Amino acid sequence: MTTIAILGAGPGLGAAVARRFGGEGFSVALISRTQEHVDALAQQLAADGITARGYAANLRDPDALRAANSAGGRSCSSTAAVP
């Protein structure tokens, strides 16, 4: 299953994109600054039958972003990024 990485995932546009791609069969990697927020969104998506995981990273910190992307890549078979 292909995974889409949503950078700056939040309750508005990020959640809408996650639902759209998740409904098409993608797994979703949610990346945002606050782990609690992406975990809550991942739980909401899971309730809708979408496979999702959250990863905390400050998008302005390249090392943190690489670490989150790496963690997402290890838990997924292939990843597509949509900034």
C-alpha atoms as a PDB file:
ATOM      1  CA  MET A   1       0.000   0.000   0.000  1.00  0.00           C
ATOM      2  CA  THR A   2       1.328   3.450  -0.896  1.00  0.00           C
ATOM      3  CA  THR A   3       1.508   6.067   1.833  1.00  0.00           C
ATOM      4  CA  ILE A   4       1.010   9.788   1.363  1.00  0.00           C
ATOM      5  CA  ALA A   5       2.919  12.102   3.702  1.00  0.00           C
ATOM      6  CA  ILE A   6       0.965  15.218   4.622  1.00  0.00           C
ATOM      7  CA  LEU A   7       3.253  17.964   5.906  1.00  0.00           C
ATOM      8  CA  GLY A   8       1.736  20.463   8.310  1.00  0.00           C
ATOM      9  CA  ALA A   9      -1.245  18.162   8.870  1.00  0.00           C
ATOM     10  CA  GLY A  10      -4.001  19.915  10.771  1.00  0.00           C
ATOM     11  CA  PRO A  11      -7.739  19.675  11.337  1.00  0.00           C
ATOM     12  CA  GLY A  12      -8.648  21.634   8.191  1.00  0.00           C
ATOM     13  CA  LEU A  13      -6.915  21.149   4.866  1.00  0.00           C
ATOM     14  CA  GLY A  14      -4.575  18.419   6.158  1.00  0.00           C
ATOM     15  CA  ALA A  15      -7.501  16.353   7.419  1.00  0.00           C
ATOM     16  CA  ALA A  16      -9.403  16.876   4.163  1.00  0.00           C
ATOM     17  CA  VAL A  17      -6.425  15.732   2.086  1.00  0.00           C
ATOM     18  CA  ALA A  18      -5.933  12.744   4.387  1.00  0.00           C
ATOM     19  CA  ARG A  19      -9.586  11.723   4.027  1.00  0.00           C
ATOM     20  CA  ARG A  20      -9.477  12.135   0.258  1.00  0.00           C
ATOM     21  CA  PHE A  21      -6.351  10.039  -0.286  1.00  0.00           C
ATOM     22  CA  GLY A  22      -7.230   7.615   2.505  1.00  0.00           C
ATOM     23  CA  GLY A  23     -10.579   7.038   0.806  1.00  0.00           C
ATOM     24  CA  GLU A  24      -8.657   6.162  -2.363  1.00  0.00           C
ATOM     25  CA  GLY A  25      -6.722   3.461  -0.511  1.00  0.00           C
ATOM     26  CA  PHE A  26      -3.584   5.317   0.549  1.00  0.00           C
ATOM     27  CA  SER A  27      -2.131   5.007   4.030  1.00  0.00           C
ATOM     28  CA  VAL A  28      -1.534   8.424   5.554  1.00  0.00           C
ATOM     29  CA  ALA A  29       1.537   9.758   7.394  1.00  0.00           C
ATOM     30  CA  LEU A  30       0.591  12.950   9.214  1.00  0.00           C
ATOM     31  CA  ILE A  31       3.484  15.291  10.028  1.00  0.00           C
ATOM     32  CA  SER A  32       3.053  18.325  12.254  1.00  0.00           C
ATOM     33  CA  ARG A  33       4.771  20.020  15.207  1.00  0.00           C
ATOM     34  CA  THR A  34       2.604  18.515  17.942  1.00  0.00           C
ATOM     35  CA  GLN A  35       2.477  14.750  18.410  1.00  0.00           C
ATOM     36  CA  GLU A  36      -0.792  14.913  20.354  1.00  0.00           C
ATOM     37  CA  HIS A  37      -2.531  16.718  17.484  1.00  0.00           C
ATOM     38  CA  VAL A  38      -1.449  14.284  14.783  1.00  0.00           C
ATOM     39  CA  ASP A  39      -2.249  11.330  17.048  1.00  0.00           C
ATOM     40  CA  ALA A  40      -5.772  12.686  17.566  1.00  0.00           C
ATOM     41  CA  LEU A  41      -6.217  13.202  13.825  1.00  0.00           C
ATOM     42  CA  ALA A  42      -4.887   9.696  13.133  1.00  0.00           C
ATOM     43  CA  GLN A  43      -7.468   8.292  15.565  1.00  0.00           C
ATOM     44  CA  GLN A  44     -10.262  10.199  13.819  1.00  0.00           C
ATOM     45  CA  LEU A  45      -9.137   8.875  10.457  1.00  0.00           C
ATOM     46  CA  ALA A  46      -8.887   5.331  11.820  1.00  0.00           C
ATOM     47  CA  ALA A  47     -12.503   5.618  12.978  1.00  0.00           C
ATOM     48  CA  ASP A  48     -13.336   6.300   9.317  1.00  0.00           C
ATOM     49  CA  GLY A  49     -11.420   3.188   8.223  1.00  0.00           C
ATOM     50  CA  ILE A  50      -8.275   5.023   7.065  1.00  0.00           C
ATOM     51  CA  THR A  51      -4.813   3.769   8.021  1.00  0.00           C
ATOM     52  CA  ALA A  52      -2.957   6.761   9.466  1.00  0.00           C
ATOM     53  CA  ARG A  53      -0.001   7.478  11.759  1.00  0.00           C
ATOM     54  CA  GLY A  54       1.248  10.741  13.188  1.00  0.00           C
ATOM     55  CA  TYR A  55       4.815  12.025  13.394  1.00  0.00           C
ATOM     56  CA  ALA A  56       5.992  15.177  15.164  1.00  0.00           C
ATOM     57  CA  ALA A  57       8.431  17.480  13.380  1.00  0.00           C
ATOM     58  CA  ASN A  58       8.969  21.197  12.995  1.00  0.00           C
ATOM     59  CA  LEU A  59       8.869  21.720   9.235  1.00  0.00           C
ATOM     60  CA  ARG A  60      11.405  24.538   9.547  1.00  0.00           C
ATOM     61  CA  ASP A  61      13.945  22.092  10.990  1.00  0.00           C
ATOM     62  CA  PRO A  62      15.368  19.979   8.146  1.00  0.00           C
ATOM     63  CA  ASP A  63      16.842  17.370  10.523  1.00  0.00           C
ATOM     64  CA  ALA A  64      13.520  16.901  12.341  1.00  0.00           C
ATOM     65  CA  LEU A  65      11.691  16.654   9.032  1.00  0.00           C
ATOM     66  CA  ARG A  66      14.138  14.044   7.729  1.00  0.00           C
ATOM     67  CA  ALA A  67      13.743  12.039  10.947  1.00  0.00           C
ATOM     68  CA  ALA A  68       9.931  12.106  10.704  1.00  0.00           C
ATOM     69  CA  ASN A  69      10.061  11.140   7.032  1.00  0.00           C
ATOM     70  CA  SER A  70      12.463   8.322   7.826  1.00  0.00           C
ATOM     71  CA  ALA A  71      10.204   7.038  10.610  1.00  0.00           C
ATOM     72  CA  GLY A  72       7.228   7.179   8.268  1.00  0.00           C
ATOM     73  CA  GLY A  73       9.172   5.396   5.556  1.00  0.00           C
ATOM     74  CA  ARG A  74      10.137   2.569   7.915  1.00  0.00           C
ATOM     75  CA  SER A  75       6.513   1.962   8.813  1.00  0.00           C
ATOM     76  CA  CYS A  76       5.267   2.152   5.194  1.00  0.00           C
ATOM     77  CA  SER A  77       6.124   0.302   2.025  1.00  0.00           C
ATOM     78  CA  SER A  78       6.295   3.340  -0.296  1.00  0.00           C
ATOM     79  CA  THR A  79       5.670   7.020   0.320  1.00  0.00           C
ATOM     80  CA  ALA A  80       4.375   9.897  -1.797  1.00  0.00           C
ATOM     81  CA  ALA A  81       4.879  13.411  -0.407  1.00  0.00           C
ATOM     82  CA  VAL A  82       2.448  16.268  -0.896  1.00  0.00           C
ATOM     83  CA  PRO A  83       3.782  19.514   0.689  1.00  0.00           C
END
